[in-house]
């Protein structure tokens, strides 16, 4: 309930302002309010409050403080959401630099900064940097949690995704399968993260042109997602769409149209007609329909 959260956080801010505008607790209140606005996708308001928090922290705590690093990180997240990846990178790198200077090298906040920065590099298609940062996260995660932990599985999936984007599908499969093995052991078959790994493996096989294997793994992902997430969920739509793509590649246009149409129906319902995923899905269906006329 974001309205209630804002109400109470603003009440707390009002009380903390009585301690003085330049107080660490006042900065925390601004950060809390920024979090709510960020969750509401009101990024201008989120930035306003995060920047106010940062200004206070730089004044009373200095640059090299965990709270200051958190504010830099929060601002980085907002710029990422706004699609301003260069700004996001600047703020995430500043947060990482501070954390590396004041925290133990295996601290969870350092792992979080490596992850956030690595993800921006991934989106910017700087895959060498993304790999470097994701592998740094993996090293910390293995040290803190060991091999058989969902966090480790998540890191394996991230590294697999980079190799996928580099076109090294054998390496991608190696990491995706490592992730899946951990998830089956720790989370079980019927979990959304397990479904994501099945989907990733399916995508790698799809890219390799092994369509039978791709269908096998995509169908496993779909089965789990229908069970766990239901039939009106964006991830479920992705599974239908992926299966449709494989049937398209196999030349089975009836099946392709059936699955892609189901994906479109879900996306229209949950994402709306102007969402990029909906538009891509509609365009793909038109391409499939055109093949019937050939």
Protein backbone atom coordinates (compact mmCIF):
# COMPACT_ATOMS: atom_id res chain seq x y z
CA UNK A 1 0.00 0.00 0.00
CA UNK A 2 2.19 2.81 -1.35
CA UNK A 3 -0.20 5.60 -0.31
CA UNK A 4 -0.05 4.46 3.31
CA UNK A 5 3.73 4.05 3.10
CA UNK A 6 4.07 7.63 1.79
CA UNK A 7 1.78 8.93 4.54
CA UNK A 8 3.84 7.34 7.31
CA UNK A 9 7.24 8.09 5.76
CA UNK A 10 6.23 11.76 5.39
CA UNK A 11 5.13 11.83 9.03
CA UNK A 12 8.52 10.42 10.02
CA UNK A 13 10.26 13.02 7.83
CA UNK A 14 8.34 15.83 9.51
CA UNK A 15 9.48 14.62 12.95
CA UNK A 16 13.08 14.10 11.79
CA UNK A 17 13.22 17.59 10.28
CA UNK A 18 12.76 18.83 13.84
CA UNK A 19 16.20 17.28 14.51
CA UNK A 20 17.53 19.49 11.75
CA UNK A 21 17.56 19.34 7.97
CA UNK A 22 21.16 18.15 7.91
CA UNK A 23 20.80 14.97 9.94
CA UNK A 24 21.51 11.35 8.81
CA UNK A 25 18.04 10.24 9.96
CA UNK A 26 16.44 12.98 7.85
CA UNK A 27 18.40 11.67 4.86
CA UNK A 28 17.08 8.16 5.56
CA UNK A 29 13.52 9.49 5.47
CA UNK A 30 14.14 11.13 2.09
CA UNK A 31 15.57 7.82 0.85
CA UNK A 32 12.52 5.89 2.11
CA UNK A 33 10.15 8.27 0.36
CA UNK A 34 12.29 8.01 -2.78
CA UNK A 35 11.90 4.21 -2.68
CA UNK A 36 8.11 4.52 -2.69
CA UNK A 37 8.09 6.98 -5.59
CA UNK A 38 10.46 4.67 -7.48
CA UNK A 39 8.09 1.73 -6.88
CA UNK A 40 5.26 3.91 -8.24
CA UNK A 41 7.38 4.66 -11.35
CA UNK A 42 7.33 8.35 -10.41
CA UNK A 43 11.00 8.71 -11.23
CA UNK A 44 11.18 12.52 -11.10
CA UNK A 45 9.92 12.49 -7.51
CA UNK A 46 12.18 9.56 -6.66
CA UNK A 47 15.23 11.44 -7.99
CA UNK A 48 14.24 14.58 -6.11
CA UNK A 49 14.16 12.71 -2.78
CA UNK A 50 17.22 10.54 -3.42
CA UNK A 51 19.26 13.62 -4.41
CA UNK A 52 18.13 15.45 -1.27
CA UNK A 53 19.25 12.45 0.80
CA UNK A 54 22.60 12.37 -0.99
CA UNK A 55 23.17 16.11 -0.48
CA UNK A 56 22.61 15.71 3.28
CA UNK A 57 24.85 12.65 3.51
CA UNK A 58 27.69 14.34 1.63
CA UNK A 59 27.38 17.24 4.08
CA UNK A 60 27.26 15.31 7.37
CA UNK A 61 28.67 11.83 6.66
CA UNK A 62 31.18 12.47 3.83
CA UNK A 63 31.61 10.68 0.50
CA UNK A 64 33.12 7.53 2.00
CA UNK A 65 30.15 6.27 4.02
CA UNK A 66 27.83 3.26 3.46
CA UNK A 67 24.71 5.45 3.50
CA UNK A 68 26.19 7.76 0.87
CA UNK A 69 26.99 4.74 -1.30
CA UNK A 70 23.38 3.55 -0.92
CA UNK A 71 22.07 6.89 -2.19
CA UNK A 72 24.39 6.80 -5.22
CA UNK A 73 23.12 3.25 -5.87
CA UNK A 74 19.47 4.30 -5.54
CA UNK A 75 19.95 7.16 -8.00
CA UNK A 76 21.64 4.71 -10.39
CA UNK A 77 18.57 2.46 -10.25
CA UNK A 78 16.29 5.36 -11.19
CA UNK A 79 18.44 6.35 -14.16
CA UNK A 80 18.45 2.70 -15.25
CA UNK A 81 14.63 2.65 -15.10
CA UNK A 82 14.58 5.85 -17.17
CA UNK A 83 16.81 4.20 -19.78
CA UNK A 84 19.67 6.65 -19.13
CA UNK A 85 22.30 3.91 -18.88
CA UNK A 86 25.34 6.20 -18.97
CA UNK A 87 24.08 8.08 -15.91
CA UNK A 88 23.12 4.79 -14.24
CA UNK A 89 26.65 3.49 -14.82
CA UNK A 90 28.19 6.65 -13.36
CA UNK A 91 26.20 6.39 -10.12
CA UNK A 92 26.57 2.61 -9.73
CA UNK A 93 30.32 2.86 -10.27
CA UNK A 94 30.55 5.61 -7.64
CA UNK A 95 28.63 3.43 -5.17
CA UNK A 96 30.91 0.49 -5.94
CA UNK A 97 34.07 2.58 -5.52
CA UNK A 98 32.92 3.78 -2.07
CA UNK A 99 31.91 0.29 -0.95
CA UNK A 100 35.22 -1.23 -2.07
CA UNK A 101 37.09 1.39 -0.03
CA UNK A 102 35.20 0.93 3.25
CA UNK A 103 33.70 -2.59 3.30
CA UNK A 104 35.14 -6.09 3.40
CA UNK A 105 35.68 -7.42 -0.13
CA UNK A 106 33.08 -10.17 0.43
CA UNK A 107 30.39 -7.82 1.76
CA UNK A 108 26.89 -8.34 0.26
CA UNK A 109 26.66 -4.62 -0.66
CA UNK A 110 29.78 -4.97 -2.81
CA UNK A 111 28.23 -8.00 -4.53
CA UNK A 112 25.06 -5.94 -5.12
CA UNK A 113 27.09 -3.10 -6.65
CA UNK A 114 29.01 -5.46 -8.92
CA UNK A 115 25.67 -6.95 -10.02
CA UNK A 116 23.97 -3.61 -10.67
CA UNK A 117 26.96 -2.23 -12.57
CA UNK A 118 27.40 -5.47 -14.50
CA UNK A 119 23.77 -5.42 -15.53
CA UNK A 120 24.10 -1.91 -16.97
CA UNK A 121 27.17 -3.02 -18.93
CA UNK A 122 25.12 -5.99 -20.18
CA UNK A 123 22.32 -3.74 -21.40
CA UNK A 124 24.92 -1.48 -23.06
CA UNK A 125 26.24 -4.64 -24.80
CA UNK A 126 29.66 -4.27 -23.20
CA UNK A 127 29.77 -8.01 -22.61
CA UNK A 128 33.42 -8.24 -21.52
CA UNK A 129 32.77 -5.78 -18.69
CA UNK A 130 29.49 -7.50 -17.83
CA UNK A 131 31.30 -10.83 -17.53
CA UNK A 132 34.00 -9.29 -15.35
CA UNK A 133 31.45 -7.87 -12.93
CA UNK A 134 29.12 -10.88 -12.89
CA UNK A 135 32.09 -13.16 -12.18
CA UNK A 136 33.09 -10.87 -9.31
CA UNK A 137 29.56 -11.32 -7.90
CA UNK A 138 29.84 -15.09 -8.31
CA UNK A 139 33.14 -15.17 -6.40
CA UNK A 140 31.59 -13.31 -3.45
CA UNK A 141 28.41 -15.41 -3.55
CA UNK A 142 30.33 -18.69 -3.57
CA UNK A 143 32.40 -17.46 -0.62
CA UNK A 144 29.34 -16.33 1.37
CA UNK A 145 26.73 -18.97 0.48
CA UNK A 146 28.48 -21.88 -1.20
CA UNK A 147 27.63 -23.68 -4.43
CA UNK A 148 24.21 -25.05 -3.53
CA UNK A 149 22.33 -21.79 -3.03
CA UNK A 150 19.68 -19.98 -5.14
CA UNK A 151 21.84 -16.82 -5.17
CA UNK A 152 24.66 -18.80 -6.77
CA UNK A 153 22.21 -20.20 -9.32
CA UNK A 154 21.08 -16.65 -10.17
CA UNK A 155 24.70 -15.65 -10.78
CA UNK A 156 25.29 -18.66 -13.03
CA UNK A 157 22.22 -17.62 -15.05
CA UNK A 158 23.52 -14.05 -15.42
CA UNK A 159 26.89 -15.27 -16.69
CA UNK A 160 25.12 -17.70 -19.01
CA UNK A 161 23.09 -14.82 -20.43
CA UNK A 162 26.27 -12.92 -21.30
CA UNK A 163 27.76 -15.93 -23.11
CA UNK A 164 24.39 -16.32 -24.84
CA UNK A 165 24.61 -12.74 -26.10
CA UNK A 166 28.19 -13.36 -27.24
CA UNK A 167 26.96 -16.31 -29.31
CA UNK A 168 28.94 -18.81 -27.20
CA UNK A 169 25.97 -21.13 -26.69
CA UNK A 170 27.98 -24.06 -25.36
CA UNK A 171 29.33 -21.87 -22.54
CA UNK A 172 25.85 -20.45 -21.98
CA UNK A 173 24.45 -23.97 -21.64
CA UNK A 174 27.19 -24.88 -19.17
CA UNK A 175 26.19 -22.03 -16.85
CA UNK A 176 22.43 -22.40 -17.40
CA UNK A 177 22.62 -26.11 -16.56
CA UNK A 178 24.66 -25.36 -13.44
CA UNK A 179 21.93 -22.92 -12.38
CA UNK A 180 19.17 -25.42 -13.09
CA UNK A 181 20.90 -28.17 -11.09
CA UNK A 182 21.09 -25.91 -8.02
CA UNK A 183 17.49 -24.72 -8.40
CA UNK A 184 16.12 -28.24 -8.69
CA UNK A 185 18.04 -29.11 -5.51
CA UNK A 186 17.14 -26.02 -3.46
CA UNK A 187 13.85 -24.68 -4.90
CA UNK A 188 12.32 -27.72 -6.54
CA UNK A 189 10.78 -28.19 -9.97
CA UNK A 190 7.72 -26.02 -9.42
CA UNK A 191 9.37 -22.63 -8.95
CA UNK A 192 9.48 -19.56 -11.20
CA UNK A 193 13.30 -19.42 -11.04
CA UNK A 194 13.51 -23.05 -12.17
CA UNK A 195 11.17 -22.18 -15.03
CA UNK A 196 13.46 -19.29 -16.01
CA UNK A 197 16.42 -21.68 -16.24
CA UNK A 198 14.44 -24.13 -18.39
CA UNK A 199 13.54 -21.16 -20.60
CA UNK A 200 17.18 -20.04 -20.84
CA UNK A 201 18.34 -23.52 -21.80
CA UNK A 202 15.58 -23.68 -24.40
CA UNK A 203 16.74 -20.37 -25.84
CA UNK A 204 20.33 -21.62 -26.17
CA UNK A 205 19.19 -24.78 -27.96
CA UNK A 206 16.93 -22.63 -30.15
CA UNK A 207 19.92 -20.49 -31.11
CA UNK A 208 21.92 -23.64 -31.89
CA UNK A 209 19.13 -24.79 -34.23
CA UNK A 210 18.28 -27.80 -32.05
CA UNK A 211 14.55 -27.16 -32.18
CA UNK A 212 13.44 -30.45 -30.61
CA UNK A 213 15.54 -29.72 -27.50
CA UNK A 214 14.36 -26.11 -27.51
CA UNK A 215 10.71 -27.24 -27.54
CA UNK A 216 11.38 -29.72 -24.74
CA UNK A 217 12.79 -27.05 -22.41
CA UNK A 218 10.38 -24.28 -23.45
CA UNK A 219 7.45 -26.61 -22.73
CA UNK A 220 8.83 -27.44 -19.29
CA UNK A 221 9.14 -23.71 -18.57
CA UNK A 222 5.56 -23.13 -19.76
CA UNK A 223 4.18 -25.97 -17.64
CA UNK A 224 5.77 -24.53 -14.48
CA UNK A 225 4.74 -20.97 -15.27
CA UNK A 226 1.13 -21.97 -15.84
CA UNK A 227 1.18 -23.77 -12.49
CA UNK A 228 2.99 -21.09 -10.47
CA UNK A 229 2.21 -17.79 -12.22
CA UNK A 230 -1.06 -18.58 -14.00
CA UNK A 231 -2.06 -18.01 -17.61
CA UNK A 232 -2.25 -14.20 -17.37
CA UNK A 233 1.38 -13.36 -16.65
CA UNK A 234 4.10 -11.75 -18.82
CA UNK A 235 6.52 -14.67 -18.24
CA UNK A 236 3.83 -17.14 -19.30
CA UNK A 237 3.33 -15.04 -22.43
CA UNK A 238 7.08 -15.22 -23.10
CA UNK A 239 6.93 -19.02 -22.94
CA UNK A 240 4.04 -19.16 -25.42
CA UNK A 241 5.90 -16.74 -27.66
CA UNK A 242 9.15 -18.74 -27.55
CA UNK A 243 7.35 -21.96 -28.45
CA UNK A 244 5.62 -20.13 -31.30
CA UNK A 245 9.00 -18.99 -32.63
CA UNK A 246 10.29 -22.58 -32.67
CA UNK A 247 7.24 -23.81 -34.60
CA UNK A 248 7.79 -20.93 -37.00
CA UNK A 249 11.41 -22.08 -37.51
CA UNK A 250 10.14 -25.62 -38.08
CA UNK A 251 7.70 -24.37 -40.72
CA UNK A 252 4.65 -25.38 -38.67
CA UNK A 253 2.85 -22.07 -39.12
CA UNK A 254 -0.49 -23.24 -37.70
CA UNK A 255 1.17 -24.11 -34.39
CA UNK A 256 3.29 -20.95 -34.53
CA UNK A 257 0.18 -18.80 -34.98
CA UNK A 258 -1.64 -20.63 -32.16
CA UNK A 259 1.11 -20.06 -29.58
CA UNK A 260 2.02 -16.51 -30.64
CA UNK A 261 -1.66 -15.53 -30.62
CA UNK A 262 -1.98 -16.80 -27.06
CA UNK A 263 1.11 -14.76 -26.12
CA UNK A 264 -0.41 -11.66 -27.73
CA UNK A 265 -3.70 -12.10 -25.88
CA UNK A 266 -1.87 -12.23 -22.53
CA UNK A 267 0.35 -9.26 -23.35
CA UNK A 268 -2.60 -7.14 -24.41
CA UNK A 269 -4.27 -7.99 -21.11
CA UNK A 270 -1.34 -7.36 -18.75
CA UNK A 271 0.99 -5.01 -20.65
CA UNK A 272 -1.36 -3.10 -22.94
CA UNK A 273 -1.28 -2.58 -26.70
CA UNK A 274 1.56 -0.02 -26.70
CA UNK A 275 4.12 -2.06 -24.78
CA UNK A 276 7.21 -2.97 -26.88
CA UNK A 277 6.70 -6.70 -26.16
CA UNK A 278 3.09 -6.49 -27.37
CA UNK A 279 4.11 -4.63 -30.52
CA UNK A 280 6.86 -7.18 -31.29
CA UNK A 281 4.39 -10.01 -30.77
CA UNK A 282 1.80 -8.46 -33.08
CA UNK A 283 4.43 -7.84 -35.77
CA UNK A 284 5.64 -11.42 -35.51
CA UNK A 285 2.09 -12.73 -35.97
CA UNK A 286 1.74 -10.65 -39.14
CA UNK A 287 4.97 -12.20 -40.47
CA UNK A 288 3.67 -15.70 -39.71
CA UNK A 289 0.36 -14.95 -41.44
CA UNK A 290 2.20 -13.74 -44.52
CA UNK A 291 3.89 -17.14 -44.81
CA UNK A 292 0.52 -18.83 -45.35
CA UNK A 293 0.20 -16.84 -48.59
CA UNK A 294 3.57 -17.92 -49.96
